[in-house]
Amino acid sequence: MIHRNGNIDIFYEVHGAVDDRNRPWIVFAHSLACTSAMWGPQIAEFAQRYRILTFDTRGHGHSSAPKPGDNGAGYAFDDLVADTESLLTALGIEHPHFVGLSMGGMLAQAFALKHPGRLRSLTVADSVSEWPPETIDIFAGRVAQARKGGMQAVVEGSLGRWFTPKFRKSNPADVAMIAQLIGETPVDGYAGCSYSIPRINFTSQLKTISAPILVVVGREDPATTVAFAQQIHAAAPGSSLAIIDGASHLSNMEQPGAFNQAVQAFLNQTCSD
């Protein structure tokens, strides 16, 4: 399904018993160079008890991928937040749980700060609240690779960061699916989001978020490391931290059982408070 926010088409799907108003909503937001398809293990688990919204962030999947500005500036996180808020409003989703991984976790933080009280809870998985200054050049280098050689030029490097060698060897179908998603991401979308991602800085503001926060990270994540997760946890009083053993960056896919268990335990506590 498509929701239009101004001149941007946002592709979304709903899952679970969407007409059962007694079931809370969970919104899932994906990582850079992926789509809502990465949430398959979570949809299968949580659709039994929740209404679920997944969507493709602008620049990804079936959503619009506007060309970044001529000055090199990409998409602003405020634009991503506006897309998300417009979609939630159009669907009448007022107070959802929000689960975001990597870029999706940054979107969760940005949304909660922009719209205080709108989210029932946040799960920030394999993400950061700010980056070291040199990260800007790292992302710019990846964009240059994609501009020169297409998205296939960044597939192998991404897979190396996102999955452990063990998982890549034992789960070739899952890895191939993610490789396909990376390869099919529009270069303009990848560039637009890669400009904004390393420029975020939410850490000092996290203490103002009143919604409960769960921070999740794969113990072997070399990109958004355990140290980054601990930084978010320390900056958000009352937050919880779950470290997933045997997982790299896409911890929701590599260890779906442990990931789902951590999120469900957090939601059980949140819903009972």
Protein backbone atom coordinates (compact mmCIF):
# COMPACT_ATOMS: atom_id res chain seq x y z
CA MET A 1 0.00 0.00 0.00
CA ILE A 2 1.11 3.57 -0.63
CA HIS A 3 0.71 6.68 1.52
CA ARG A 4 1.53 10.01 -0.05
CA ASN A 5 3.22 12.70 2.05
CA GLY A 6 3.50 15.75 -0.19
CA ASN A 7 5.45 14.55 -3.21
CA ILE A 8 6.80 11.46 -1.42
CA ASP A 9 5.23 8.01 -1.74
CA ILE A 10 5.73 5.84 1.34
CA PHE A 11 5.18 2.12 0.90
CA TYR A 12 3.75 0.34 3.94
CA GLU A 13 2.18 -2.90 5.07
CA VAL A 14 0.02 -3.82 8.06
CA HIS A 15 0.01 -7.22 9.71
CA GLY A 16 -1.86 -8.99 12.46
CA ALA A 17 -5.44 -8.45 13.58
CA VAL A 18 -5.50 -4.80 12.51
CA ASP A 19 -9.21 -4.42 13.31
CA ASP A 20 -8.75 -5.54 16.93
CA ARG A 21 -8.50 -2.24 18.77
CA ASN A 22 -7.51 -4.01 21.97
CA ARG A 23 -4.14 -4.92 20.44
CA PRO A 24 -1.35 -2.32 20.65
CA TRP A 25 0.51 -1.24 17.51
CA ILE A 26 4.19 -1.89 16.87
CA VAL A 27 5.96 0.12 14.17
CA PHE A 28 9.13 -1.43 12.71
CA ALA A 29 11.73 0.81 10.97
CA HIS A 30 14.50 -0.79 8.92
CA SER A 31 18.20 -0.14 8.43
CA LEU A 32 20.00 1.75 5.69
CA ALA A 33 20.00 -0.10 2.34
CA CYS A 34 17.28 -2.51 3.44
CA THR A 35 13.47 -2.50 3.38
CA SER A 36 10.67 -3.62 5.63
CA ALA A 37 11.38 -7.16 4.34
CA MET A 38 14.15 -7.48 6.94
CA TRP A 39 11.50 -7.72 9.67
CA GLY A 40 10.14 -11.12 8.59
CA PRO A 41 11.20 -12.94 11.80
CA GLN A 42 9.55 -10.28 13.92
CA ILE A 43 6.32 -10.10 11.92
CA ALA A 44 5.90 -13.86 12.29
CA GLU A 45 6.35 -13.59 16.06
CA PHE A 46 4.58 -10.38 17.03
CA ALA A 47 1.59 -10.44 14.65
CA GLN A 48 0.01 -12.98 16.99
CA ARG A 49 -0.38 -10.38 19.74
CA TYR A 50 0.02 -6.96 18.15
CA ARG A 51 -1.04 -4.92 15.17
CA ILE A 52 2.08 -4.27 13.09
CA LEU A 53 3.07 -1.49 10.73
CA THR A 54 6.15 -1.80 8.52
CA PHE A 55 7.22 0.73 5.93
CA ASP A 56 10.02 1.55 3.51
CA THR A 57 11.88 4.71 4.49
CA ARG A 58 12.16 7.32 1.73
CA GLY A 59 14.95 6.38 -0.62
CA HIS A 60 14.36 2.66 -0.10
CA GLY A 61 12.28 -0.19 -1.46
CA HIS A 62 8.98 0.86 -2.98
CA SER A 63 9.06 4.37 -1.48
CA SER A 64 10.13 7.49 -3.36
CA ALA A 65 13.85 8.18 -3.72
CA PRO A 66 14.20 11.90 -4.44
CA LYS A 67 17.56 13.08 -5.72
CA PRO A 68 19.69 14.75 -3.03
CA GLY A 69 20.26 18.48 -3.39
CA ASP A 70 22.86 19.86 -5.76
CA ASN A 71 24.90 21.09 -2.79
CA GLY A 72 25.43 17.50 -1.70
CA ALA A 73 23.04 17.71 1.22
CA GLY A 74 20.95 14.58 1.65
CA TYR A 75 17.66 13.88 3.31
CA ALA A 76 17.15 15.55 6.67
CA PHE A 77 16.12 13.38 9.56
CA ASP A 78 13.25 15.81 10.05
CA ASP A 79 12.04 14.69 6.59
CA LEU A 80 12.12 11.04 7.65
CA VAL A 81 10.27 11.92 10.85
CA ALA A 82 7.67 13.89 8.86
CA ASP A 83 7.12 10.92 6.53
CA THR A 84 6.60 8.64 9.52
CA GLU A 85 4.31 11.02 11.39
CA SER A 86 2.21 11.58 8.28
CA LEU A 87 1.83 7.83 7.80
CA LEU A 88 0.88 7.20 11.44
CA THR A 89 -1.66 10.01 11.37
CA ALA A 90 -3.22 8.80 8.12
CA LEU A 91 -3.63 5.31 9.59
CA GLY A 92 -4.93 6.57 12.94
CA ILE A 93 -2.04 5.06 14.88
CA GLU A 94 -1.79 7.28 17.94
CA HIS A 95 0.44 5.68 20.57
CA PRO A 96 2.51 2.81 19.14
CA HIS A 97 5.55 0.95 20.27
CA PHE A 98 8.42 1.75 17.89
CA VAL A 99 11.19 -0.73 17.04
CA GLY A 100 14.00 0.57 14.85
CA LEU A 101 17.31 -0.97 13.86
CA SER A 102 20.38 1.01 12.79
CA MET A 103 18.98 3.93 10.75
CA GLY A 104 15.57 2.88 12.04
CA GLY A 105 16.84 3.23 15.61
CA MET A 106 18.04 6.75 14.82
CA LEU A 107 14.60 7.47 13.38
CA ALA A 108 13.01 6.20 16.60
CA GLN A 109 15.07 8.66 18.64
CA ALA A 110 14.43 11.55 16.25
CA PHE A 111 10.68 10.84 16.22
CA ALA A 112 10.45 10.65 20.01
CA LEU A 113 12.29 13.95 20.36
CA LYS A 114 10.21 15.69 17.69
CA HIS A 115 6.88 14.35 18.99
CA PRO A 116 7.10 14.01 22.78
CA GLY A 117 4.58 11.58 24.22
CA ARG A 118 3.56 10.14 20.85
CA LEU A 119 5.37 6.81 21.28
CA ARG A 120 4.41 4.24 23.87
CA SER A 121 7.96 2.85 23.90
CA LEU A 122 11.16 2.80 21.84
CA THR A 123 13.41 -0.12 21.01
CA VAL A 124 16.68 1.19 19.58
CA ALA A 125 18.58 -1.74 18.08
CA ASP A 126 22.14 -1.78 16.74
CA SER A 127 22.16 1.98 16.46
CA VAL A 128 23.82 5.12 17.77
CA SER A 129 22.86 8.48 19.23
CA GLU A 130 25.89 10.25 17.76
CA TRP A 131 28.98 9.43 15.69
CA PRO A 132 32.66 10.39 15.80
CA PRO A 133 33.44 13.21 13.33
CA GLU A 134 35.44 10.94 11.01
CA THR A 135 32.30 8.89 10.28
CA ILE A 136 31.17 11.57 7.82
CA ASP A 137 34.09 10.69 5.55
CA ILE A 138 33.44 6.96 5.92
CA PHE A 139 29.85 7.29 4.73
CA ALA A 140 30.91 9.68 1.97
CA GLY A 141 33.38 7.07 0.76
CA ARG A 142 30.67 4.43 0.56
CA VAL A 143 28.43 6.79 -1.38
CA ALA A 144 31.29 7.50 -3.80
CA GLN A 145 31.66 3.74 -4.32
CA ALA A 146 27.95 3.42 -5.05
CA ARG A 147 27.98 6.40 -7.41
CA LYS A 148 30.87 4.90 -9.34
CA GLY A 149 30.02 1.21 -9.38
CA GLY A 150 26.34 1.01 -8.47
CA MET A 151 25.01 -0.48 -5.27
CA GLN A 152 26.67 -3.80 -6.03
CA ALA A 153 29.94 -2.07 -5.13
CA VAL A 154 28.87 -1.77 -1.48
CA VAL A 155 27.14 -5.13 -1.07
CA GLU A 156 30.11 -7.18 0.11
CA GLY A 157 31.34 -4.58 2.58
CA SER A 158 27.86 -4.23 4.03
CA LEU A 159 27.38 -7.97 4.44
CA GLY A 160 30.74 -8.19 6.16
CA ARG A 161 29.62 -5.66 8.76
CA TRP A 162 26.07 -6.91 9.13
CA PHE A 163 26.55 -10.65 9.66
CA THR A 164 29.06 -12.86 11.41
CA PRO A 165 31.08 -15.23 9.20
CA LYS A 166 29.29 -18.17 10.85
CA PHE A 167 25.86 -16.85 9.90
CA ARG A 168 26.92 -16.09 6.34
CA LYS A 169 28.10 -19.65 5.93
CA SER A 170 25.10 -21.36 7.52
CA ASN A 171 22.28 -19.11 6.26
CA PRO A 172 22.98 -18.41 2.59
CA ALA A 173 19.33 -17.74 1.70
CA ASP A 174 18.94 -15.01 4.32
CA VAL A 175 22.23 -13.43 3.33
CA ALA A 176 21.28 -13.55 -0.35
CA MET A 177 17.97 -11.83 0.44
CA ILE A 178 19.72 -8.97 2.21
CA ALA A 179 22.32 -8.74 -0.56
CA GLN A 180 19.47 -8.34 -3.03
CA LEU A 181 17.86 -5.59 -0.94
CA ILE A 182 21.16 -3.70 -0.78
CA GLY A 183 21.73 -4.09 -4.52
CA GLU A 184 18.23 -2.86 -5.34
CA THR A 185 18.40 0.24 -3.12
CA PRO A 186 18.33 3.39 -5.27
CA VAL A 187 21.73 5.09 -5.22
CA ASP A 188 20.03 8.45 -4.61
CA GLY A 189 18.22 6.99 -1.61
CA TYR A 190 21.41 5.48 -0.23
CA ALA A 191 23.25 8.78 -0.74
CA GLY A 192 20.44 10.87 0.74
CA CYS A 193 20.30 8.88 3.97
CA SER A 194 24.06 8.36 4.17
CA TYR A 195 24.51 12.13 4.27
CA SER A 196 22.26 12.59 7.29
CA ILE A 197 23.08 9.48 9.32
CA PRO A 198 26.61 10.45 10.45
CA ARG A 199 25.47 13.98 11.33
CA ILE A 200 22.95 13.05 14.03
CA ASN A 201 23.56 14.02 17.64
CA PHE A 202 20.80 13.01 20.03
CA THR A 203 22.79 11.95 23.09
CA SER A 204 22.30 15.03 25.27
CA GLN A 205 18.56 15.08 24.51
CA LEU A 206 17.76 11.44 25.33
CA LYS A 207 17.10 12.26 28.98
CA THR A 208 14.05 14.27 27.87
CA ILE A 209 12.30 11.25 26.35
CA SER A 210 9.63 10.06 28.76
CA ALA A 211 8.75 6.83 26.93
CA PRO A 212 10.46 3.62 28.09
CA ILE A 213 13.53 2.74 26.03
CA LEU A 214 15.12 -0.62 25.27
CA VAL A 215 18.58 -0.62 23.71
CA VAL A 216 19.55 -3.80 21.84
CA VAL A 217 22.89 -4.63 20.25
CA GLY A 218 24.61 -7.65 18.77
CA ARG A 219 27.71 -8.42 20.79
CA GLU A 220 29.74 -8.82 17.60
CA ASP A 221 28.41 -5.73 15.82
CA PRO A 222 31.47 -3.92 14.40
CA ALA A 223 29.49 -0.95 13.06
CA THR A 224 27.18 0.19 15.84
CA THR A 225 29.15 -1.39 18.63
CA VAL A 226 28.29 -2.37 22.18
CA ALA A 227 30.04 0.85 23.27
CA PHE A 228 27.59 2.91 21.19
CA ALA A 229 24.68 1.02 22.74
CA GLN A 230 26.06 1.63 26.21
CA GLN A 231 26.30 5.34 25.40
CA ILE A 232 22.59 5.45 24.54
CA HIS A 233 21.74 3.43 27.66
CA ALA A 234 23.76 5.75 29.90
CA ALA A 235 22.21 8.88 28.39
CA ALA A 236 18.62 7.63 28.76
CA PRO A 237 17.78 7.26 32.47
CA GLY A 238 15.68 4.19 33.19
CA SER A 239 16.42 2.54 29.85
CA SER A 240 17.16 -1.17 29.52
CA LEU A 241 20.07 -2.77 27.66
CA ALA A 242 20.07 -6.18 25.97
CA ILE A 243 23.25 -7.56 24.38
CA ILE A 244 22.59 -10.37 21.91
CA ASP A 245 25.28 -13.05 21.80
CA GLY A 246 26.27 -14.50 18.44
CA ALA A 247 24.95 -11.56 16.46
CA SER A 248 26.45 -8.79 14.40
CA HIS A 249 24.61 -5.73 13.02
CA LEU A 250 21.33 -7.28 11.86
CA SER A 251 20.76 -8.92 15.22
CA ASN A 252 17.04 -9.31 14.51
CA MET A 253 17.85 -11.70 11.66
CA GLU A 254 20.94 -13.40 13.01
CA GLN A 255 19.46 -14.24 16.41
CA PRO A 256 15.71 -13.73 15.99
CA GLY A 257 14.80 -15.83 19.01
CA ALA A 258 16.96 -13.84 21.41
CA PHE A 259 15.99 -10.54 19.77
CA ASN A 260 12.27 -11.28 19.95
CA GLN A 261 12.54 -12.49 23.53
CA ALA A 262 14.28 -9.29 24.62
CA VAL A 263 11.72 -7.09 22.89
CA GLN A 264 8.74 -9.11 24.15
CA ALA A 265 9.99 -9.02 27.75
CA PHE A 266 10.40 -5.25 27.45
CA LEU A 267 6.92 -4.82 25.94
CA ASN A 268 5.38 -7.01 28.64
CA GLN A 269 6.88 -4.77 31.29
CA THR A 270 5.92 -1.61 29.42
CA CYS A 271 2.33 -2.69 28.90
CA SER A 272 1.95 -3.67 32.57
CA ASP A 273 3.31 -0.38 33.94
